[in-house]
Protein backbone atom coordinates (compact mmCIF):
# COMPACT_ATOMS: atom_id res chain seq x y z
CA UNK A 1 -7.97 -24.39 -8.40
CA UNK A 2 -6.00 -22.13 -10.28
CA UNK A 3 -2.26 -20.91 -10.45
CA UNK A 4 -1.08 -17.83 -8.95
CA UNK A 5 2.32 -15.88 -8.97
CA UNK A 6 4.14 -15.13 -5.64
CA UNK A 7 7.09 -12.64 -5.83
CA UNK A 8 9.89 -12.16 -3.15
CA UNK A 9 10.67 -8.45 -2.41
CA UNK A 10 14.02 -7.09 -1.75
CA UNK A 11 12.60 -6.11 1.61
CA UNK A 12 12.00 -9.78 2.64
CA UNK A 13 8.26 -9.81 2.11
CA UNK A 14 6.02 -11.34 -0.64
CA UNK A 15 3.51 -10.01 -3.20
CA UNK A 16 0.79 -12.59 -4.11
CA UNK A 17 -0.94 -11.92 -7.46
CA UNK A 18 -3.95 -14.13 -8.72
CA UNK A 19 -4.58 -13.63 -12.33
CA UNK A 20 -8.46 -12.86 -13.43
CA UNK A 21 -8.66 -16.08 -15.49
CA UNK A 22 -12.41 -15.16 -16.20
CA UNK A 23 -11.57 -11.65 -17.03
CA UNK A 24 -14.02 -10.50 -19.79
CA UNK A 25 -11.30 -8.02 -21.48
CA UNK A 26 -8.78 -11.27 -22.10
CA UNK A 27 -8.35 -12.44 -25.50
CA UNK A 28 -10.30 -15.59 -25.99
CA UNK A 29 -7.46 -17.24 -27.73
CA UNK A 30 -4.97 -16.35 -24.75
CA UNK A 31 -3.84 -19.45 -22.90
CA UNK A 32 -3.92 -19.75 -19.31
CA UNK A 33 0.16 -19.85 -19.82
CA UNK A 34 0.23 -16.92 -21.88
CA UNK A 35 -1.85 -14.94 -19.31
CA UNK A 36 0.43 -16.00 -16.47
CA UNK A 37 3.52 -15.03 -18.50
CA UNK A 38 2.02 -11.51 -19.27
CA UNK A 39 1.25 -11.01 -15.80
CA UNK A 40 5.03 -11.95 -14.93
CA UNK A 41 6.38 -9.41 -17.19
CA UNK A 42 4.20 -6.63 -16.28
CA UNK A 43 4.26 -7.34 -12.76
CA UNK A 44 8.03 -7.57 -12.45
CA UNK A 45 8.24 -4.31 -14.17
CA UNK A 46 5.77 -2.45 -11.62
CA UNK A 47 7.37 -4.14 -8.77
CA UNK A 48 10.69 -3.28 -9.42
CA UNK A 49 9.86 0.28 -9.50
CA UNK A 50 8.12 0.08 -6.51
CA UNK A 51 10.56 -2.02 -4.36
CA UNK A 52 13.84 -1.27 -6.32
CA UNK A 53 13.83 -4.98 -7.70
CA UNK A 54 12.17 -8.26 -7.27
CA UNK A 55 14.44 -11.48 -6.74
CA UNK A 56 12.21 -14.32 -8.16
CA UNK A 57 8.79 -15.34 -8.89
CA UNK A 58 7.05 -18.43 -8.05
CA UNK A 59 3.83 -20.36 -9.55
CA UNK A 60 1.84 -22.03 -7.35
CA UNK A 61 -1.41 -23.26 -6.65
CA UNK A 62 -3.82 -20.90 -5.00
CA UNK A 63 -4.79 -23.47 -2.46
CA UNK A 64 -1.25 -22.91 -0.95
CA UNK A 65 -1.90 -19.64 -0.04
CA UNK A 66 -3.39 -18.85 3.32
CA UNK A 67 -7.22 -18.07 3.61
CA UNK A 68 -9.00 -15.06 4.29
CA UNK A 69 -9.76 -14.66 7.98
CA UNK A 70 -7.11 -17.36 8.86
CA UNK A 71 -4.78 -16.68 11.52
CA UNK A 72 -1.94 -16.37 8.59
CA UNK A 73 -3.75 -14.03 7.06
CA UNK A 74 -4.05 -11.66 9.59
CA UNK A 75 -0.28 -11.24 9.40
CA UNK A 76 0.13 -10.60 5.45
CA UNK A 77 3.32 -8.27 5.91
CA UNK A 78 5.03 -11.20 7.67
CA UNK A 79 4.64 -13.46 4.88
CA UNK A 80 7.60 -15.15 3.40
CA UNK A 81 8.65 -17.77 1.02
CA UNK A 82 10.28 -20.93 2.23
CA UNK A 83 9.01 -23.56 -0.17
CA UNK A 84 5.65 -22.25 0.36
CA UNK A 85 3.93 -19.45 2.16
CA UNK A 86 4.94 -18.97 5.68
CA UNK A 87 4.61 -16.40 8.28
CA UNK A 88 7.56 -14.95 10.01
CA UNK A 89 6.80 -14.61 13.51
CA UNK A 90 9.33 -12.16 14.46
CA UNK A 91 7.62 -9.75 11.75
CA UNK A 92 4.09 -11.06 12.89
CA UNK A 93 4.80 -10.27 16.71
CA UNK A 94 6.01 -6.62 15.72
CA UNK A 95 2.46 -6.08 13.58
CA UNK A 96 0.60 -7.84 16.71
CA UNK A 97 2.56 -5.28 19.18
CA UNK A 98 1.57 -2.50 16.84
CA UNK A 99 -2.09 -3.51 16.82
CA UNK A 100 -2.11 -3.75 20.74
CA UNK A 101 -0.45 -0.22 20.86
CA UNK A 102 -3.05 1.36 18.71
CA UNK A 103 -5.95 -0.09 20.80
CA UNK A 104 -4.01 0.91 24.16
CA UNK A 105 -3.27 4.30 22.70
CA UNK A 106 -7.09 5.12 22.11
CA UNK A 107 -7.81 3.84 25.59
CA UNK A 108 -5.41 6.23 27.04
CA UNK A 109 -7.02 9.05 25.19
CA UNK A 110 -10.12 7.94 27.00
CA UNK A 111 -8.77 8.26 30.43
CA UNK A 112 -7.25 11.38 29.83
CA UNK A 113 -10.90 12.90 29.76
CA UNK A 114 -11.90 10.81 33.07
CA UNK A 115 -8.89 12.18 34.50
CA UNK A 116 -9.44 15.81 33.88
CA UNK A 117 -12.96 15.76 34.92
CA UNK A 118 -11.56 14.13 38.28
CA UNK A 119 -9.00 17.12 38.70
CA UNK A 120 -11.95 19.45 38.12
CA UNK A 121 -14.12 18.12 41.01
CA UNK A 122 -10.78 17.54 43.07
CA UNK A 123 -11.22 13.71 43.42
CA UNK A 124 -7.76 12.59 44.52
CA UNK A 125 -8.76 9.04 44.74
CA UNK A 126 -10.09 8.87 41.15
CA UNK A 127 -7.25 10.55 39.80
CA UNK A 128 -4.48 7.94 41.62
CA UNK A 129 -6.87 5.03 40.11
CA UNK A 130 -6.90 6.51 36.70
CA UNK A 131 -2.89 7.11 36.73
CA UNK A 132 -2.32 3.75 37.98
CA UNK A 133 -4.38 2.37 35.24
CA UNK A 134 -2.57 4.64 32.63
CA UNK A 135 0.62 3.33 34.01
CA UNK A 136 -0.24 -0.16 33.61
CA UNK A 137 -1.31 0.57 29.75
CA UNK A 138 1.86 2.39 29.04
CA UNK A 139 3.64 -0.64 30.36
CA UNK A 140 2.18 -3.05 28.27
CA UNK A 141 4.74 -3.03 25.65
CA UNK A 142 7.51 -4.33 27.99
CA UNK A 143 5.33 -6.86 30.50
CA UNK A 144 3.09 -8.39 27.61
CA UNK A 145 5.02 -11.28 26.50
CA UNK A 146 4.71 -12.22 22.82
CA UNK A 147 7.98 -14.00 22.62
CA UNK A 148 6.72 -17.10 23.68
CA UNK A 149 3.90 -17.31 21.02
CA UNK A 150 5.02 -19.46 18.30
CA UNK A 151 2.18 -19.79 15.70
CA UNK A 152 -0.05 -17.46 13.91
CA UNK A 153 -2.96 -18.77 15.64
CA UNK A 154 -1.78 -18.31 19.29
CA UNK A 155 -0.33 -14.97 18.71
CA UNK A 156 -3.80 -13.75 17.20
CA UNK A 157 -5.43 -15.11 20.08
CA UNK A 158 -3.04 -13.25 22.56
CA UNK A 159 -4.38 -10.02 23.86
CA UNK A 160 -3.91 -7.99 27.26
CA UNK A 161 -6.81 -7.78 29.36
CA UNK A 162 -6.26 -4.26 30.08
CA UNK A 163 -7.21 -3.23 26.61
CA UNK A 164 -10.60 -3.59 24.96
CA UNK A 165 -10.18 -6.17 21.90
């Protein structure tokens, strides 16, 4: 267990930094407290340049950060500070829909090739089938409901059946 630093950014997100306590370049007489203070000073300057400022830093036990491969970790860009790290579900839904759109767009590109082959051979039935499938894929952002999903776990598990995962 070690202490890490979490910064609240002006854009509403957070940046979590974990000090390298065992770094060989660390001075042998430097205490953990001195290391944390040094990191806070350097990070405040760096983050202020990148984001136009940081509002506050929090020191916390690294056990309170969502673990890698957890559902909450899947939505890091939606993390916020509310007496601990939490997932802003509105932001997480946007992130997840963008992932769905990316997979859907790849599928639409594949269907373009199949459609052109059907055009070349004059197969009107296949053209109609592919057109309907493409329209179903295009409609996913309007028809696939993410609003009712209230936890990172249920959101991560939700995926439209028309789009390969």
